[in-house]
Amino acid sequence: MFLDDQTKTAFEFARDATKQLITLATGIIALEITFSKDFVRTLNECVRVYALLSWLAFLLSVLFGAMTLLALTGTLEPKDKSVPVSIRGSNVVIPSILQIILFLTGLALTVLFGVKAI
């Protein structure tokens, strides 16, 4: 199968953006968990919930990122050769959008956690 340069570039950009969000989410989770022993015990239950929810959102973001990468891979080698190769298929777009939304949710919850903890 031959892909034109524009399609190749689109796949590379989609892959790179997905991998970047996975890296950021896992880094934030690791950082928060590493320092959680310093603040989780001293905070009230409401504030701790923000931290736990942010970890969950980031974890789900990573999972949907992995799904996006797998969908991109599957799209490059479709079963039906008559279907044009594109990053705009629902198998790529849906997990990608969910990854982005969950990442932004995790970020917002982390900020809320920080504000409430102060």
PDB file of N, CA and C in Angstrom:
ATOM      1  N   MET A   1       0.847  -1.179   0.000  1.00  0.00           N
ATOM      2  CA  MET A   1       0.000   0.000   0.000  1.00  0.00           C
ATOM      3  C   MET A   1       0.891   1.240   0.000  1.00  0.00           C
ATOM      4  N   PHE A   2       0.539   2.190  -0.829  1.00  0.00           N
ATOM      5  CA  PHE A   2       1.295   3.431  -0.936  1.00  0.00           C
ATOM      6  C   PHE A   2       0.504   4.555  -0.282  1.00  0.00           C
ATOM      7  N   LEU A   3       1.170   5.300   0.603  1.00  0.00           N
ATOM      8  CA  LEU A   3       0.552   6.467   1.231  1.00  0.00           C
ATOM      9  C   LEU A   3       1.239   7.715   0.710  1.00  0.00           C
ATOM     10  N   ASP A   4       0.430   8.722   0.382  1.00  0.00           N
ATOM     11  CA  ASP A   4       1.047   9.976  -0.050  1.00  0.00           C
ATOM     12  C   ASP A   4       1.668  10.676   1.159  1.00  0.00           C
ATOM     13  N   ASP A   5       2.488  11.679   0.894  1.00  0.00           N
ATOM     14  CA  ASP A   5       3.223  12.359   1.968  1.00  0.00           C
ATOM     15  C   ASP A   5       2.297  13.017   2.983  1.00  0.00           C
ATOM     16  N   GLN A   6       1.202  13.583   2.522  1.00  0.00           N
ATOM     17  CA  GLN A   6       0.272  14.244   3.432  1.00  0.00           C
ATOM     18  C   GLN A   6      -0.364  13.244   4.396  1.00  0.00           C
ATOM     19  N   THR A   7      -0.745  12.084   3.895  1.00  0.00           N
ATOM     20  CA  THR A   7      -1.345  11.057   4.750  1.00  0.00           C
ATOM     21  C   THR A   7      -0.317  10.521   5.742  1.00  0.00           C
ATOM     22  N   LYS A   8       0.905  10.283   5.274  1.00  0.00           N
ATOM     23  CA  LYS A   8       1.976   9.833   6.178  1.00  0.00           C
ATOM     24  C   LYS A   8       2.197  10.836   7.300  1.00  0.00           C
ATOM     25  N   THR A   9       2.247  12.112   6.928  1.00  0.00           N
ATOM     26  CA  THR A   9       2.468  13.172   7.918  1.00  0.00           C
ATOM     27  C   THR A   9       1.318  13.229   8.909  1.00  0.00           C
ATOM     28  N   ALA A  10       0.091  13.064   8.430  1.00  0.00           N
ATOM     29  CA  ALA A  10      -1.075  13.081   9.323  1.00  0.00           C
ATOM     30  C   ALA A  10      -0.981  11.950  10.343  1.00  0.00           C
ATOM     31  N   PHE A  11      -0.602  10.761   9.902  1.00  0.00           N
ATOM     32  CA  PHE A  11      -0.450   9.636  10.822  1.00  0.00           C
ATOM     33  C   PHE A  11       0.671   9.888  11.823  1.00  0.00           C
ATOM     34  N   GLU A  12       1.773  10.447  11.367  1.00  0.00           N
ATOM     35  CA  GLU A  12       2.895  10.745  12.267  1.00  0.00           C
ATOM     36  C   GLU A  12       2.500  11.774  13.323  1.00  0.00           C
ATOM     37  N   PHE A  13       1.805  12.833  12.904  1.00  0.00           N
ATOM     38  CA  PHE A  13       1.380  13.865  13.850  1.00  0.00           C
ATOM     39  C   PHE A  13       0.384  13.299  14.858  1.00  0.00           C
ATOM     40  N   ALA A  14      -0.569  12.500  14.383  1.00  0.00           N
ATOM     41  CA  ALA A  14      -1.559  11.897  15.287  1.00  0.00           C
ATOM     42  C   ALA A  14      -0.859  10.976  16.283  1.00  0.00           C
ATOM     43  N   ARG A  15       0.076  10.181  15.796  1.00  0.00           N
ATOM     44  CA  ARG A  15       0.827   9.274  16.675  1.00  0.00           C
ATOM     45  C   ARG A  15       1.624  10.069  17.711  1.00  0.00           C
ATOM     46  N   ASP A  16       2.327  11.098  17.248  1.00  0.00           N
ATOM     47  CA  ASP A  16       3.164  11.884  18.155  1.00  0.00           C
ATOM     48  C   ASP A  16       2.336  12.615  19.213  1.00  0.00           C
ATOM     49  N   ALA A  17       1.206  13.189  18.817  1.00  0.00           N
ATOM     50  CA  ALA A  17       0.348  13.893  19.776  1.00  0.00           C
ATOM     51  C   ALA A  17      -0.199  12.913  20.814  1.00  0.00           C
ATOM     52  N   THR A  18      -0.605  11.742  20.361  1.00  0.00           N
ATOM     53  CA  THR A  18      -1.126  10.722  21.273  1.00  0.00           C
ATOM     54  C   THR A  18      -0.048  10.272  22.247  1.00  0.00           C
ATOM     55  N   LYS A  19       1.140  10.010  21.741  1.00  0.00           N
ATOM     56  CA  LYS A  19       2.245   9.581  22.599  1.00  0.00           C
ATOM     57  C   LYS A  19       2.634  10.678  23.595  1.00  0.00           C
ATOM     58  N   GLN A  20       2.569  11.926  23.162  1.00  0.00           N
ATOM     59  CA  GLN A  20       2.919  13.035  24.062  1.00  0.00           C
ATOM     60  C   GLN A  20       1.934  13.120  25.233  1.00  0.00           C
ATOM     61  N   LEU A  21       0.638  12.965  24.941  1.00  0.00           N
ATOM     62  CA  LEU A  21      -0.353  13.001  26.019  1.00  0.00           C
ATOM     63  C   LEU A  21      -0.195  11.807  26.960  1.00  0.00           C
ATOM     64  N   ILE A  22       0.150  10.641  26.413  1.00  0.00           N
ATOM     65  CA  ILE A  22       0.402   9.474  27.259  1.00  0.00           C
ATOM     66  C   ILE A  22       1.584   9.749  28.178  1.00  0.00           C
ATOM     67  N   THR A  23       2.653  10.308  27.629  1.00  0.00           N
ATOM     68  CA  THR A  23       3.847  10.612  28.416  1.00  0.00           C
ATOM     69  C   THR A  23       3.552  11.620  29.513  1.00  0.00           C
ATOM     70  N   LEU A  24       2.837  12.683  29.167  1.00  0.00           N
ATOM     71  CA  LEU A  24       2.498  13.704  30.165  1.00  0.00           C
ATOM     72  C   LEU A  24       1.608  13.130  31.266  1.00  0.00           C
ATOM     73  N   ALA A  25       0.606  12.357  30.879  1.00  0.00           N
ATOM     74  CA  ALA A  25      -0.322  11.792  31.871  1.00  0.00           C
ATOM     75  C   ALA A  25       0.406  10.850  32.822  1.00  0.00           C
ATOM     76  N   THR A  26       1.241   9.968  32.289  1.00  0.00           N
ATOM     77  CA  THR A  26       1.955   9.041  33.165  1.00  0.00           C
ATOM     78  C   THR A  26       2.954   9.784  34.048  1.00  0.00           C
ATOM     79  N   GLY A  27       3.568  10.834  33.514  1.00  0.00           N
ATOM     80  CA  GLY A  27       4.499  11.633  34.312  1.00  0.00           C
ATOM     81  C   GLY A  27       3.802  12.345  35.455  1.00  0.00           C
ATOM     82  N   ILE A  28       2.639  12.903  35.178  1.00  0.00           N
ATOM     83  CA  ILE A  28       1.889  13.606  36.226  1.00  0.00           C
ATOM     84  C   ILE A  28       1.427  12.620  37.296  1.00  0.00           C
ATOM     85  N   ILE A  29       0.941  11.458  36.867  1.00  0.00           N
ATOM     86  CA  ILE A  29       0.527  10.441  37.840  1.00  0.00           C
ATOM     87  C   ILE A  29       1.707  10.061  38.734  1.00  0.00           C
ATOM     88  N   ALA A  30       2.838   9.791  38.106  1.00  0.00           N
ATOM     89  CA  ALA A  30       4.031   9.386  38.869  1.00  0.00           C
ATOM     90  C   ALA A  30       4.452  10.472  39.851  1.00  0.00           C
ATOM     91  N   LEU A  31       4.432  11.707  39.398  1.00  0.00           N
ATOM     92  CA  LEU A  31       4.829  12.820  40.254  1.00  0.00           C
ATOM     93  C   LEU A  31       3.871  12.990  41.428  1.00  0.00           C
ATOM     94  N   GLU A  32       2.581  12.945  41.140  1.00  0.00           N
ATOM     95  CA  GLU A  32       1.594  13.096  42.210  1.00  0.00           C
ATOM     96  C   GLU A  32       1.673  11.952  43.217  1.00  0.00           C
ATOM     97  N   ILE A  33       1.815  10.735  42.730  1.00  0.00           N
ATOM     98  CA  ILE A  33       1.872   9.590  43.638  1.00  0.00           C
ATOM     99  C   ILE A  33       3.162   9.616  44.462  1.00  0.00           C
ATOM    100  N   THR A  34       4.258  10.026  43.840  1.00  0.00           N
ATOM    101  CA  THR A  34       5.531  10.101  44.557  1.00  0.00           C
ATOM    102  C   THR A  34       5.435  11.030  45.757  1.00  0.00           C
ATOM    103  N   PHE A  35       4.785  12.170  45.573  1.00  0.00           N
ATOM    104  CA  PHE A  35       4.696  13.143  46.655  1.00  0.00           C
ATOM    105  C   PHE A  35       3.401  13.034  47.458  1.00  0.00           C
ATOM    106  N   SER A  36       2.569  12.059  47.137  1.00  0.00           N
ATOM    107  CA  SER A  36       1.281  11.946  47.836  1.00  0.00           C
ATOM    108  C   SER A  36       1.455  11.644  49.320  1.00  0.00           C
ATOM    109  N   LYS A  37       2.493  10.930  49.679  1.00  0.00           N
ATOM    110  CA  LYS A  37       2.689  10.613  51.100  1.00  0.00           C
ATOM    111  C   LYS A  37       2.906  11.868  51.927  1.00  0.00           C
ATOM    112  N   ASP A  38       3.353  12.948  51.281  1.00  0.00           N
ATOM    113  CA  ASP A  38       3.594  14.198  51.990  1.00  0.00           C
ATOM    114  C   ASP A  38       2.316  14.997  52.244  1.00  0.00           C
ATOM    115  N   PHE A  39       1.283  14.772  51.423  1.00  0.00           N
ATOM    116  CA  PHE A  39       0.108  15.621  51.577  1.00  0.00           C
ATOM    117  C   PHE A  39      -1.210  14.887  51.777  1.00  0.00           C
ATOM    118  N   VAL A  40      -1.309  13.645  51.395  1.00  0.00           N
ATOM    119  CA  VAL A  40      -2.603  12.964  51.450  1.00  0.00           C
ATOM    120  C   VAL A  40      -3.090  12.775  52.884  1.00  0.00           C
ATOM    121  N   ARG A  41      -2.215  12.425  53.794  1.00  0.00           N
ATOM    122  CA  ARG A  41      -2.640  12.183  55.179  1.00  0.00           C
ATOM    123  C   ARG A  41      -3.061  13.460  55.902  1.00  0.00           C
ATOM    124  N   THR A  42      -2.499  14.585  55.504  1.00  0.00           N
ATOM    125  CA  THR A  42      -2.769  15.830  56.220  1.00  0.00           C
ATOM    126  C   THR A  42      -3.978  16.583  55.680  1.00  0.00           C
ATOM    127  N   LEU A  43      -4.527  16.156  54.564  1.00  0.00           N
ATOM    128  CA  LEU A  43      -5.647  16.874  53.945  1.00  0.00           C
ATOM    129  C   LEU A  43      -6.970  16.215  54.292  1.00  0.00           C
ATOM    130  N   ASN A  44      -8.030  17.007  54.172  1.00  0.00           N
ATOM    131  CA  ASN A  44      -9.346  16.434  54.442  1.00  0.00           C
ATOM    132  C   ASN A  44      -9.796  15.561  53.269  1.00  0.00           C
ATOM    133  N   GLU A  45     -10.836  14.801  53.513  1.00  0.00           N
ATOM    134  CA  GLU A  45     -11.317  13.810  52.539  1.00  0.00           C
ATOM    135  C   GLU A  45     -11.697  14.442  51.202  1.00  0.00           C
ATOM    136  N   CYS A  46     -12.327  15.590  51.225  1.00  0.00           N
ATOM    137  CA  CYS A  46     -12.774  16.257  49.997  1.00  0.00           C
ATOM    138  C   CYS A  46     -11.598  16.579  49.080  1.00  0.00           C
ATOM    139  N   VAL A  47     -10.523  17.066  49.644  1.00  0.00           N
ATOM    140  CA  VAL A  47      -9.351  17.438  48.852  1.00  0.00           C
ATOM    141  C   VAL A  47      -8.673  16.188  48.305  1.00  0.00           C
ATOM    142  N   ARG A  48      -8.616  15.128  49.087  1.00  0.00           N
ATOM    143  CA  ARG A  48      -8.013  13.875  48.620  1.00  0.00           C
ATOM    144  C   ARG A  48      -8.768  13.286  47.444  1.00  0.00           C
ATOM    145  N   VAL A  49     -10.078  13.494  47.426  1.00  0.00           N
ATOM    146  CA  VAL A  49     -10.894  12.972  46.327  1.00  0.00           C
ATOM    147  C   VAL A  49     -10.460  13.604  45.001  1.00  0.00           C
ATOM    148  N   TYR A  50     -10.123  14.895  45.008  1.00  0.00           N
ATOM    149  CA  TYR A  50      -9.635  15.543  43.781  1.00  0.00           C
ATOM    150  C   TYR A  50      -8.377  14.857  43.258  1.00  0.00           C
ATOM    151  N   ALA A  51      -7.467  14.509  44.148  1.00  0.00           N
ATOM    152  CA  ALA A  51      -6.231  13.832  43.737  1.00  0.00           C
ATOM    153  C   ALA A  51      -6.548  12.460  43.149  1.00  0.00           C
ATOM    154  N   LEU A  52      -7.389  11.701  43.825  1.00  0.00           N
ATOM    155  CA  LEU A  52      -7.729  10.362  43.340  1.00  0.00           C
ATOM    156  C   LEU A  52      -8.462  10.407  42.000  1.00  0.00           C
ATOM    157  N   LEU A  53      -9.382  11.356  41.861  1.00  0.00           N
ATOM    158  CA  LEU A  53     -10.098  11.490  40.595  1.00  0.00           C
ATOM    159  C   LEU A  53      -9.168  11.918  39.467  1.00  0.00           C
ATOM    160  N   SER A  54      -8.191  12.769  39.773  1.00  0.00           N
ATOM    161  CA  SER A  54      -7.241  13.174  38.732  1.00  0.00           C
ATOM    162  C   SER A  54      -6.402  11.980  38.287  1.00  0.00           C
ATOM    163  N   TRP A  55      -6.001  11.130  39.246  1.00  0.00           N
ATOM    164  CA  TRP A  55      -5.236   9.935  38.870  1.00  0.00           C
ATOM    165  C   TRP A  55      -6.068   9.023  37.977  1.00  0.00           C
ATOM    166  N   LEU A  56      -7.331   8.862  38.317  1.00  0.00           N
ATOM    167  CA  LEU A  56      -8.221   8.022  37.512  1.00  0.00           C
ATOM    168  C   LEU A  56      -8.383   8.597  36.104  1.00  0.00           C
ATOM    169  N   ALA A  57      -8.602   9.910  36.005  1.00  0.00           N
ATOM    170  CA  ALA A  57      -8.763  10.540  34.696  1.00  0.00           C
ATOM    171  C   ALA A  57      -7.501  10.382  33.854  1.00  0.00           C
ATOM    172  N   PHE A  58      -6.337  10.582  34.464  1.00  0.00           N
ATOM    173  CA  PHE A  58      -5.083  10.415  33.726  1.00  0.00           C
ATOM    174  C   PHE A  58      -4.883   8.964  33.296  1.00  0.00           C
ATOM    175  N   LEU A  59      -5.218   8.028  34.173  1.00  0.00           N
ATOM    176  CA  LEU A  59      -5.073   6.615  33.830  1.00  0.00           C
ATOM    177  C   LEU A  59      -5.978   6.242  32.653  1.00  0.00           C
ATOM    178  N   LEU A  60      -7.219   6.693  32.692  1.00  0.00           N
ATOM    179  CA  LEU A  60      -8.132   6.438  31.575  1.00  0.00           C
ATOM    180  C   LEU A  60      -7.656   7.122  30.301  1.00  0.00           C
ATOM    181  N   SER A  61      -7.067   8.293  30.445  1.00  0.00           N
ATOM    182  CA  SER A  61      -6.497   8.986  29.290  1.00  0.00           C
ATOM    183  C   SER A  61      -5.393   8.152  28.646  1.00  0.00           C
ATOM    184  N   VAL A  62      -4.547   7.554  29.476  1.00  0.00           N
ATOM    185  CA  VAL A  62      -3.474   6.692  28.960  1.00  0.00           C
ATOM    186  C   VAL A  62      -4.073   5.486  28.240  1.00  0.00           C
ATOM    187  N   LEU A  63      -5.107   4.879  28.813  1.00  0.00           N
ATOM    188  CA  LEU A  63      -5.733   3.717  28.179  1.00  0.00           C
ATOM    189  C   LEU A  63      -6.342   4.077  26.823  1.00  0.00           C
ATOM    190  N   PHE A  64      -7.041   5.210  26.758  1.00  0.00           N
ATOM    191  CA  PHE A  64      -7.608   5.621  25.475  1.00  0.00           C
ATOM    192  C   PHE A  64      -6.517   6.039  24.491  1.00  0.00           C
ATOM    193  N   GLY A  65      -5.392   6.535  24.989  1.00  0.00           N
ATOM    194  CA  GLY A  65      -4.254   6.825  24.128  1.00  0.00           C
ATOM    195  C   GLY A  65      -3.700   5.561  23.499  1.00  0.00           C
ATOM    196  N   ALA A  66      -3.591   4.504  24.301  1.00  0.00           N
ATOM    197  CA  ALA A  66      -3.132   3.216  23.766  1.00  0.00           C
ATOM    198  C   ALA A  66      -4.114   2.685  22.723  1.00  0.00           C
ATOM    199  N   MET A  67      -5.403   2.854  22.994  1.00  0.00           N
ATOM    200  CA  MET A  67      -6.411   2.437  22.011  1.00  0.00           C
ATOM    201  C   MET A  67      -6.267   3.226  20.714  1.00  0.00           C
ATOM    202  N   THR A  68      -5.969   4.511  20.837  1.00  0.00           N
ATOM    203  CA  THR A  68      -5.784   5.350  19.653  1.00  0.00           C
ATOM    204  C   THR A  68      -4.594   4.866  18.833  1.00  0.00           C
ATOM    205  N   LEU A  69      -3.483   4.581  19.508  1.00  0.00           N
ATOM    206  CA  LEU A  69      -2.303   4.092  18.798  1.00  0.00           C
ATOM    207  C   LEU A  69      -2.587   2.765  18.098  1.00  0.00           C
ATOM    208  N   LEU A  70      -3.307   1.881  18.773  1.00  0.00           N
ATOM    209  CA  LEU A  70      -3.666   0.604  18.149  1.00  0.00           C
ATOM    210  C   LEU A  70      -4.599   0.811  16.956  1.00  0.00           C
ATOM    211  N   ALA A  71      -5.522   1.756  17.087  1.00  0.00           N
ATOM    212  CA  ALA A  71      -6.433   2.054  15.978  1.00  0.00           C
ATOM    213  C   ALA A  71      -5.679   2.640  14.784  1.00  0.00           C
ATOM    214  N   LEU A  72      -4.703   3.511  15.063  1.00  0.00           N
ATOM    215  CA  LEU A  72      -3.884   4.059  13.976  1.00  0.00           C
ATOM    216  C   LEU A  72      -3.147   2.941  13.247  1.00  0.00           C
ATOM    217  N   THR A  73      -2.615   2.002  14.008  1.00  0.00           N
ATOM    218  CA  THR A  73      -1.906   0.875  13.415  1.00  0.00           C
ATOM    219  C   THR A  73      -2.842   0.033  12.556  1.00  0.00           C
ATOM    220  N   GLY A  74      -4.017  -0.262  13.098  1.00  0.00           N
ATOM    221  CA  GLY A  74      -4.988  -1.047  12.342  1.00  0.00           C
ATOM    222  C   GLY A  74      -5.478  -0.335  11.097  1.00  0.00           C
ATOM    223  N   THR A  75      -5.577   0.963  11.140  1.00  0.00           N
ATOM    224  CA  THR A  75      -6.035   1.741  10.001  1.00  0.00           C
ATOM    225  C   THR A  75      -5.028   1.700   8.856  1.00  0.00           C
ATOM    226  N   LEU A  76      -3.766   1.577   9.188  1.00  0.00           N
ATOM    227  CA  LEU A  76      -2.737   1.520   8.148  1.00  0.00           C
ATOM    228  C   LEU A  76      -2.788   0.227   7.340  1.00  0.00           C
ATOM    229  N   GLU A  77      -3.399  -0.793   7.887  1.00  0.00           N
ATOM    230  CA  GLU A  77      -3.526  -2.076   7.179  1.00  0.00           C
ATOM    231  C   GLU A  77      -4.963  -2.579   7.283  1.00  0.00           C
ATOM    232  N   PRO A  78      -5.889  -1.946   6.541  1.00  0.00           N
ATOM    233  CA  PRO A  78      -7.301  -2.326   6.650  1.00  0.00           C
ATOM    234  C   PRO A  78      -7.583  -3.690   6.011  1.00  0.00           C
ATOM    235  N   LYS A  79      -8.609  -4.353   6.531  1.00  0.00           N
ATOM    236  CA  LYS A  79      -9.042  -5.622   5.935  1.00  0.00           C
ATOM    237  C   LYS A  79      -9.605  -5.377   4.543  1.00  0.00           C
ATOM    238  N   ASP A  80     -10.405  -4.338   4.443  1.00  0.00           N
ATOM    239  CA  ASP A  80     -11.025  -3.983   3.166  1.00  0.00           C
ATOM    240  C   ASP A  80     -10.128  -2.973   2.459  1.00  0.00           C
ATOM    241  N   LYS A  81      -9.444  -3.417   1.440  1.00  0.00           N
ATOM    242  CA  LYS A  81      -8.474  -2.569   0.738  1.00  0.00           C
ATOM    243  C   LYS A  81      -9.136  -1.440  -0.058  1.00  0.00           C
ATOM    244  N   SER A  82     -10.466  -1.494  -0.233  1.00  0.00           N
ATOM    245  CA  SER A  82     -11.145  -0.431  -0.979  1.00  0.00           C
ATOM    246  C   SER A  82     -11.412   0.794  -0.107  1.00  0.00           C
ATOM    247  N   VAL A  83     -11.285   0.647   1.224  1.00  0.00           N
ATOM    248  CA  VAL A  83     -11.509   1.764   2.145  1.00  0.00           C
ATOM    249  C   VAL A  83     -10.265   2.641   2.159  1.00  0.00           C
ATOM    250  N   PRO A  84     -10.427   3.951   1.944  1.00  0.00           N
ATOM    251  CA  PRO A  84      -9.248   4.830   1.964  1.00  0.00           C
ATOM    252  C   PRO A  84      -8.638   4.919   3.368  1.00  0.00           C
ATOM    253  N   VAL A  85      -7.325   4.992   3.411  1.00  0.00           N
ATOM    254  CA  VAL A  85      -6.605   5.088   4.675  1.00  0.00           C
ATOM    255  C   VAL A  85      -6.659   6.531   5.165  1.00  0.00           C
ATOM    256  N   SER A  86      -7.182   6.730   6.402  1.00  0.00           N
ATOM    257  CA  SER A  86      -7.337   8.071   6.954  1.00  0.00           C
ATOM    258  C   SER A  86      -7.332   8.007   8.476  1.00  0.00           C
ATOM    259  N   ILE A  87      -6.871   9.086   9.080  1.00  0.00           N
ATOM    260  CA  ILE A  87      -6.908   9.168  10.544  1.00  0.00           C
ATOM    261  C   ILE A  87      -8.277   9.634  11.036  1.00  0.00           C
ATOM    262  N   ARG A  88      -9.200   9.877  10.146  1.00  0.00           N
ATOM    263  CA  ARG A  88     -10.501  10.419  10.518  1.00  0.00           C
ATOM    264  C   ARG A  88     -11.579   9.365  10.733  1.00  0.00           C
ATOM    265  N   GLY A  89     -11.212   8.099  10.736  1.00  0.00           N
ATOM    266  CA  GLY A  89     -12.183   7.039  10.996  1.00  0.00           C
ATOM    267  C   GLY A  89     -12.626   7.066  12.455  1.00  0.00           C
ATOM    268  N   SER A  90     -13.831   6.584  12.712  1.00  0.00           N
ATOM    269  CA  SER A  90     -14.346   6.612  14.085  1.00  0.00           C
ATOM    270  C   SER A  90     -13.513   5.745  15.027  1.00  0.00           C
ATOM    271  N   ASN A  91     -12.831   4.728  14.479  1.00  0.00           N
ATOM    272  CA  ASN A  91     -11.990   3.885  15.328  1.00  0.00           C
ATOM    273  C   ASN A  91     -10.787   4.645  15.881  1.00  0.00           C
ATOM    274  N   VAL A  92     -10.404   5.738  15.234  1.00  0.00           N
ATOM    275  CA  VAL A  92      -9.301   6.582  15.699  1.00  0.00           C
ATOM    276  C   VAL A  92      -9.831   7.814  16.430  1.00  0.00           C
ATOM    277  N   VAL A  93     -10.823   8.442  15.853  1.00  0.00           N
ATOM    278  CA  VAL A  93     -11.317   9.723  16.376  1.00  0.00           C
ATOM    279  C   VAL A  93     -11.938   9.590  17.769  1.00  0.00           C
ATOM    280  N   ILE A  94     -12.754   8.574  17.974  1.00  0.00           N
ATOM    281  CA  ILE A  94     -13.455   8.443  19.260  1.00  0.00           C
ATOM    282  C   ILE A  94     -12.484   8.236  20.426  1.00  0.00           C
ATOM    283  N   PRO A  95     -11.568   7.256  20.362  1.00  0.00           N
ATOM    284  CA  PRO A  95     -10.640   7.127  21.499  1.00  0.00           C
ATOM    285  C   PRO A  95      -9.710   8.320  21.639  1.00  0.00           C
ATOM    286  N   SER A  96      -9.385   8.979  20.531  1.00  0.00           N
ATOM    287  CA  SER A  96      -8.520  10.156  20.592  1.00  0.00           C
ATOM    288  C   SER A  96      -9.206  11.308  21.316  1.00  0.00           C
ATOM    289  N   ILE A  97     -10.458  11.548  20.986  1.00  0.00           N
ATOM    290  CA  ILE A  97     -11.213  12.613  21.652  1.00  0.00           C
ATOM    291  C   ILE A  97     -11.364  12.304  23.143  1.00  0.00           C
ATOM    292  N   LEU A  98     -11.664  11.041  23.448  1.00  0.00           N
ATOM    293  CA  LEU A  98     -11.795  10.653  24.856  1.00  0.00           C
ATOM    294  C   LEU A  98     -10.470  10.820  25.593  1.00  0.00           C
ATOM    295  N   GLN A  99      -9.365  10.489  24.935  1.00  0.00           N
ATOM    296  CA  GLN A  99      -8.058  10.684  25.558  1.00  0.00           C
ATOM    297  C   GLN A  99      -7.834  12.153  25.904  1.00  0.00           C
ATOM    298  N   ILE A 100      -8.121  13.029  24.965  1.00  0.00           N
ATOM    299  CA  ILE A 100      -7.911  14.463  25.173  1.00  0.00           C
ATOM    300  C   ILE A 100      -8.819  14.989  26.281  1.00  0.00           C
ATOM    301  N   ILE A 101     -10.096  14.619  26.242  1.00  0.00           N
ATOM    302  CA  ILE A 101     -11.044  15.086  27.262  1.00  0.00           C
ATOM    303  C   ILE A 101     -10.622  14.611  28.649  1.00  0.00           C
ATOM    304  N   LEU A 102     -10.247  13.341  28.759  1.00  0.00           N
ATOM    305  CA  LEU A 102      -9.829  12.806  30.061  1.00  0.00           C
ATOM    306  C   LEU A 102      -8.526  13.437  30.536  1.00  0.00           C
ATOM    307  N   PHE A 103      -7.604  13.717  29.612  1.00  0.00           N
ATOM    308  CA  PHE A 103      -6.365  14.386  30.000  1.00  0.00           C
ATOM    309  C   PHE A 103      -6.670  15.777  30.553  1.00  0.00           C
ATOM    310  N   LEU A 104      -7.509  16.538  29.856  1.00  0.00           N
ATOM    311  CA  LEU A 104      -7.866  17.882  30.319  1.00  0.00           C
ATOM    312  C   LEU A 104      -8.636  17.826  31.634  1.00  0.00           C
ATOM    313  N   THR A 105      -9.478  16.808  31.807  1.00  0.00           N
ATOM    314  CA  THR A 105     -10.197  16.624  33.067  1.00  0.00           C
ATOM    315  C   THR A 105      -9.214  16.346  34.198  1.00  0.00           C
ATOM    316  N   GLY A 106      -8.259  15.464  33.951  1.00  0.00           N
ATOM    317  CA  GLY A 106      -7.236  15.170  34.953  1.00  0.00           C
ATOM    318  C   GLY A 106      -6.433  16.400  35.314  1.00  0.00           C
ATOM    319  N   LEU A 107      -6.116  17.198  34.317  1.00  0.00           N
ATOM    320  CA  LEU A 107      -5.366  18.436  34.559  1.00  0.00           C
ATOM    321  C   LEU A 107      -6.189  19.407  35.406  1.00  0.00           C
ATOM    322  N   ALA A 108      -7.461  19.562  35.069  1.00  0.00           N
ATOM    323  CA  ALA A 108      -8.339  20.453  35.836  1.00  0.00           C
ATOM    324  C   ALA A 108      -8.478  19.968  37.279  1.00  0.00           C
ATOM    325  N   LEU A 109      -8.630  18.660  37.451  1.00  0.00           N
ATOM    326  CA  LEU A 109      -8.750  18.107  38.808  1.00  0.00           C
ATOM    327  C   LEU A 109      -7.452  18.289  39.593  1.00  0.00           C
ATOM    328  N   THR A 110      -6.322  18.192  38.920  1.00  0.00           N
ATOM    329  CA  THR A 110      -5.035  18.418  39.583  1.00  0.00           C
ATOM    330  C   THR A 110      -4.922  19.859  40.042  1.00  0.00           C
ATOM    331  N   VAL A 111      -5.342  20.788  39.202  1.00  0.00           N
ATOM    332  CA  VAL A 111      -5.312  22.196  39.569  1.00  0.00           C
ATOM    333  C   VAL A 111      -6.253  22.457  40.735  1.00  0.00           C
ATOM    334  N   LEU A 112      -7.468  21.899  40.673  1.00  0.00           N
ATOM    335  CA  LEU A 112      -8.415  22.051  41.775  1.00  0.00           C
ATOM    336  C   LEU A 112      -7.843  21.478  43.064  1.00  0.00           C
ATOM    337  N   PHE A 113      -7.202  20.329  42.959  1.00  0.00           N
ATOM    338  CA  PHE A 113      -6.566  19.722  44.117  1.00  0.00           C
ATOM    339  C   PHE A 113      -5.518  20.659  44.702  1.00  0.00           C
ATOM    340  N   GLY A 114      -4.683  21.233  43.834  1.00  0.00           N
ATOM    341  CA  GLY A 114      -3.653  22.158  44.295  1.00  0.00           C
ATOM    342  C   GLY A 114      -4.223  23.393  44.965  1.00  0.00           C
ATOM    343  N   VAL A 115      -5.276  23.944  44.376  1.00  0.00           N
ATOM    344  CA  VAL A 115      -5.907  25.141  44.931  1.00  0.00           C
ATOM    345  C   VAL A 115      -6.550  24.833  46.291  1.00  0.00           C
ATOM    346  N   LYS A 116      -7.263  23.715  46.370  1.00  0.00           N
ATOM    347  CA  LYS A 116      -7.936  23.349  47.622  1.00  0.00           C
ATOM    348  C   LYS A 116      -6.928  22.982  48.712  1.00  0.00           C
ATOM    349  N   ALA A 117      -5.784  22.430  48.304  1.00  0.00           N
ATOM    350  CA  ALA A 117      -4.775  22.009  49.294  1.00  0.00           C
ATOM    351  C   ALA A 117      -4.073  23.195  49.933  1.00  0.00           C
ATOM    352  N   ILE A 118      -4.072  24.320  49.233  1.00  0.00           N
ATOM    353  CA  ILE A 118      -3.362  25.508  49.762  1.00  0.00           C
ATOM    354  C   ILE A 118      -4.186  26.229  50.773  1.00  0.00           C
TER     355      ILE A 118
END
